[in-house]
Amino acid sequence: MSDKKQALQGFVKQMQTGIQLIKENKYEEGMNQLKPYVALMEEANTYPIRMFAYYAMAQFKTGDIDGFIQTYEKIKGVDAVDEEDEKVKQIIHQWFVALMDQMGNH
């Protein structure tokens, strides 16, 4: 296996691990796992919906509301590439709308 292919597989495995941790309600751990990859994607000005949506979920659940809003803003205009992307994008949108409603009521 080439070094590039091995490095890419390691990258994907780390992202999958971070997402899985978030799915298991281990928000802080998952966020920490994804953080370096989120930063890399931001530098490249590319926003894979699934990774950023789960990162946003972790931000929300750990109380980083400003971070959640910023992450939401980054992915809201990105086109979903499959059903799973569309599903998590809609969940984040619903959370955003609920948050804005709540903030407007206080």
C-alpha atoms as a PDB file:
ATOM      1  CA  MET A   1       0.000   0.000   0.000  1.00  0.00           C
ATOM      2  CA  SER A   2       1.361   3.415  -0.900  1.00  0.00           C
ATOM      3  CA  ASP A   3       2.171   5.941   1.811  1.00  0.00           C
ATOM      4  CA  LYS A   4      -0.429   8.364   0.424  1.00  0.00           C
ATOM      5  CA  LYS A   5      -3.154   5.737   0.420  1.00  0.00           C
ATOM      6  CA  GLN A   6      -2.235   4.671   3.956  1.00  0.00           C
ATOM      7  CA  ALA A   7      -2.246   8.293   5.143  1.00  0.00           C
ATOM      8  CA  LEU A   8      -5.653   8.877   3.545  1.00  0.00           C
ATOM      9  CA  GLN A   9      -7.067   5.749   5.163  1.00  0.00           C
ATOM     10  CA  GLY A  10      -5.755   6.926   8.532  1.00  0.00           C
ATOM     11  CA  PHE A  11      -7.366  10.331   7.972  1.00  0.00           C
ATOM     12  CA  VAL A  12     -10.739   8.753   7.130  1.00  0.00           C
ATOM     13  CA  LYS A  13     -10.532   6.370  10.103  1.00  0.00           C
ATOM     14  CA  GLN A  14      -9.861   9.257  12.513  1.00  0.00           C
ATOM     15  CA  MET A  15     -12.842  11.194  11.120  1.00  0.00           C
ATOM     16  CA  GLN A  16     -15.081   8.132  11.410  1.00  0.00           C
ATOM     17  CA  THR A  17     -13.912   7.609  14.997  1.00  0.00           C
ATOM     18  CA  GLY A  18     -14.772  11.222  15.867  1.00  0.00           C
ATOM     19  CA  ILE A  19     -18.232  10.921  14.338  1.00  0.00           C
ATOM     20  CA  GLN A  20     -18.841   7.614  16.123  1.00  0.00           C
ATOM     21  CA  LEU A  21     -17.864   9.150  19.467  1.00  0.00           C
ATOM     22  CA  ILE A  22     -20.396  11.938  18.900  1.00  0.00           C
ATOM     23  CA  LYS A  23     -23.073   9.371  17.981  1.00  0.00           C
ATOM     24  CA  GLU A  24     -22.286   7.678  21.318  1.00  0.00           C
ATOM     25  CA  ASN A  25     -22.883  11.004  23.136  1.00  0.00           C
ATOM     26  CA  LYS A  26     -19.164  11.408  23.849  1.00  0.00           C
ATOM     27  CA  TYR A  27     -19.300  14.959  22.553  1.00  0.00           C
ATOM     28  CA  GLU A  28     -16.097  16.358  24.015  1.00  0.00           C
ATOM     29  CA  GLU A  29     -14.034  13.367  22.857  1.00  0.00           C
ATOM     30  CA  GLY A  30     -15.581  13.397  19.405  1.00  0.00           C
ATOM     31  CA  MET A  31     -15.065  17.119  19.011  1.00  0.00           C
ATOM     32  CA  ASN A  32     -11.416  16.786  20.041  1.00  0.00           C
ATOM     33  CA  GLN A  33     -10.988  13.932  17.550  1.00  0.00           C
ATOM     34  CA  LEU A  34     -12.474  15.971  14.685  1.00  0.00           C
ATOM     35  CA  LYS A  35     -10.968  19.351  15.553  1.00  0.00           C
ATOM     36  CA  PRO A  36      -7.678  19.025  13.597  1.00  0.00           C
ATOM     37  CA  TYR A  37      -9.541  17.732  10.535  1.00  0.00           C
ATOM     38  CA  VAL A  38     -12.125  20.501  10.732  1.00  0.00           C
ATOM     39  CA  ALA A  39      -9.263  23.019  10.821  1.00  0.00           C
ATOM     40  CA  LEU A  40      -7.637  21.382   7.769  1.00  0.00           C
ATOM     41  CA  MET A  41     -10.898  21.451   5.832  1.00  0.00           C
ATOM     42  CA  GLU A  42     -11.470  25.105   6.769  1.00  0.00           C
ATOM     43  CA  GLU A  43      -7.996  25.988   5.504  1.00  0.00           C
ATOM     44  CA  ALA A  44      -8.832  24.227   2.245  1.00  0.00           C
ATOM     45  CA  ASN A  45     -12.183  26.067   2.151  1.00  0.00           C
ATOM     46  CA  THR A  46     -14.061  22.774   1.822  1.00  0.00           C
ATOM     47  CA  TYR A  47     -16.862  21.697   4.110  1.00  0.00           C
ATOM     48  CA  PRO A  48     -17.816  18.004   4.106  1.00  0.00           C
ATOM     49  CA  ILE A  49     -21.337  18.165   5.479  1.00  0.00           C
ATOM     50  CA  ARG A  50     -21.311  15.001   7.559  1.00  0.00           C
ATOM     51  CA  MET A  51     -18.117  15.817   9.423  1.00  0.00           C
ATOM     52  CA  PHE A  52     -19.092  19.440  10.016  1.00  0.00           C
ATOM     53  CA  ALA A  53     -22.656  18.544  11.025  1.00  0.00           C
ATOM     54  CA  TYR A  54     -21.483  16.101  13.679  1.00  0.00           C
ATOM     55  CA  TYR A  55     -18.903  18.639  14.817  1.00  0.00           C
ATOM     56  CA  ALA A  56     -21.721  21.205  15.125  1.00  0.00           C
ATOM     57  CA  MET A  57     -23.795  18.721  17.153  1.00  0.00           C
ATOM     58  CA  ALA A  58     -20.899  18.278  19.567  1.00  0.00           C
ATOM     59  CA  GLN A  59     -20.432  22.034  19.817  1.00  0.00           C
ATOM     60  CA  PHE A  60     -24.110  22.481  20.611  1.00  0.00           C
ATOM     61  CA  LYS A  61     -24.191  19.667  23.170  1.00  0.00           C
ATOM     62  CA  THR A  62     -21.079  20.979  24.956  1.00  0.00           C
ATOM     63  CA  GLY A  63     -22.505  24.501  25.143  1.00  0.00           C
ATOM     64  CA  ASP A  64     -20.346  26.112  22.456  1.00  0.00           C
ATOM     65  CA  ILE A  65     -23.300  27.948  20.920  1.00  0.00           C
ATOM     66  CA  ASP A  66     -21.179  30.528  19.062  1.00  0.00           C
ATOM     67  CA  GLY A  67     -19.122  27.708  17.552  1.00  0.00           C
ATOM     68  CA  PHE A  68     -22.299  25.851  16.619  1.00  0.00           C
ATOM     69  CA  ILE A  69     -23.684  28.897  14.810  1.00  0.00           C
ATOM     70  CA  GLN A  70     -20.410  29.472  12.965  1.00  0.00           C
ATOM     71  CA  THR A  71     -20.239  25.835  11.873  1.00  0.00           C
ATOM     72  CA  TYR A  72     -23.896  25.905  10.812  1.00  0.00           C
ATOM     73  CA  GLU A  73     -23.233  29.002   8.703  1.00  0.00           C
ATOM     74  CA  LYS A  74     -20.353  27.216   6.948  1.00  0.00           C
ATOM     75  CA  ILE A  75     -22.408  24.202   5.845  1.00  0.00           C
ATOM     76  CA  LYS A  76     -25.858  25.662   5.253  1.00  0.00           C
ATOM     77  CA  GLY A  77     -25.099  26.560   1.649  1.00  0.00           C
ATOM     78  CA  VAL A  78     -23.188  23.378   0.830  1.00  0.00           C
ATOM     79  CA  ASP A  79     -25.045  20.901  -1.387  1.00  0.00           C
ATOM     80  CA  ALA A  80     -25.601  17.463   0.106  1.00  0.00           C
ATOM     81  CA  VAL A  81     -23.953  14.661  -1.869  1.00  0.00           C
ATOM     82  CA  ASP A  82     -26.165  11.869  -0.527  1.00  0.00           C
ATOM     83  CA  GLU A  83     -29.133  11.081   1.716  1.00  0.00           C
ATOM     84  CA  GLU A  84     -27.053  10.888   4.898  1.00  0.00           C
ATOM     85  CA  ASP A  85     -25.593  14.350   4.245  1.00  0.00           C
ATOM     86  CA  GLU A  86     -29.075  15.746   3.670  1.00  0.00           C
ATOM     87  CA  LYS A  87     -30.366  14.091   6.852  1.00  0.00           C
ATOM     88  CA  VAL A  88     -27.668  15.503   9.152  1.00  0.00           C
ATOM     89  CA  LYS A  89     -27.838  18.891   7.432  1.00  0.00           C
ATOM     90  CA  GLN A  90     -31.587  19.036   8.155  1.00  0.00           C
ATOM     91  CA  ILE A  91     -31.028  18.062  11.797  1.00  0.00           C
ATOM     92  CA  ILE A  92     -28.514  20.896  12.233  1.00  0.00           C
ATOM     93  CA  HIS A  93     -30.900  23.305  10.519  1.00  0.00           C
ATOM     94  CA  GLN A  94     -33.712  22.275  12.883  1.00  0.00           C
ATOM     95  CA  TRP A  95     -31.439  22.788  15.887  1.00  0.00           C
ATOM     96  CA  PHE A  96     -30.462  26.214  14.548  1.00  0.00           C
ATOM     97  CA  VAL A  97     -34.104  27.250  14.041  1.00  0.00           C
ATOM     98  CA  ALA A  98     -35.023  26.014  17.537  1.00  0.00           C
ATOM     99  CA  LEU A  99     -32.081  27.903  19.017  1.00  0.00           C
ATOM    100  CA  MET A 100     -33.053  31.115  17.228  1.00  0.00           C
ATOM    101  CA  ASP A 101     -36.675  30.700  18.368  1.00  0.00           C
ATOM    102  CA  GLN A 102     -35.504  30.193  21.945  1.00  0.00           C
ATOM    103  CA  MET A 103     -33.209  33.206  21.819  1.00  0.00           C
ATOM    104  CA  GLY A 104     -36.029  35.317  20.382  1.00  0.00           C
ATOM    105  CA  ASN A 105     -38.338  34.343  23.231  1.00  0.00           C
ATOM    106  CA  HIS A 106     -35.974  35.550  25.965  1.00  0.00           C
END
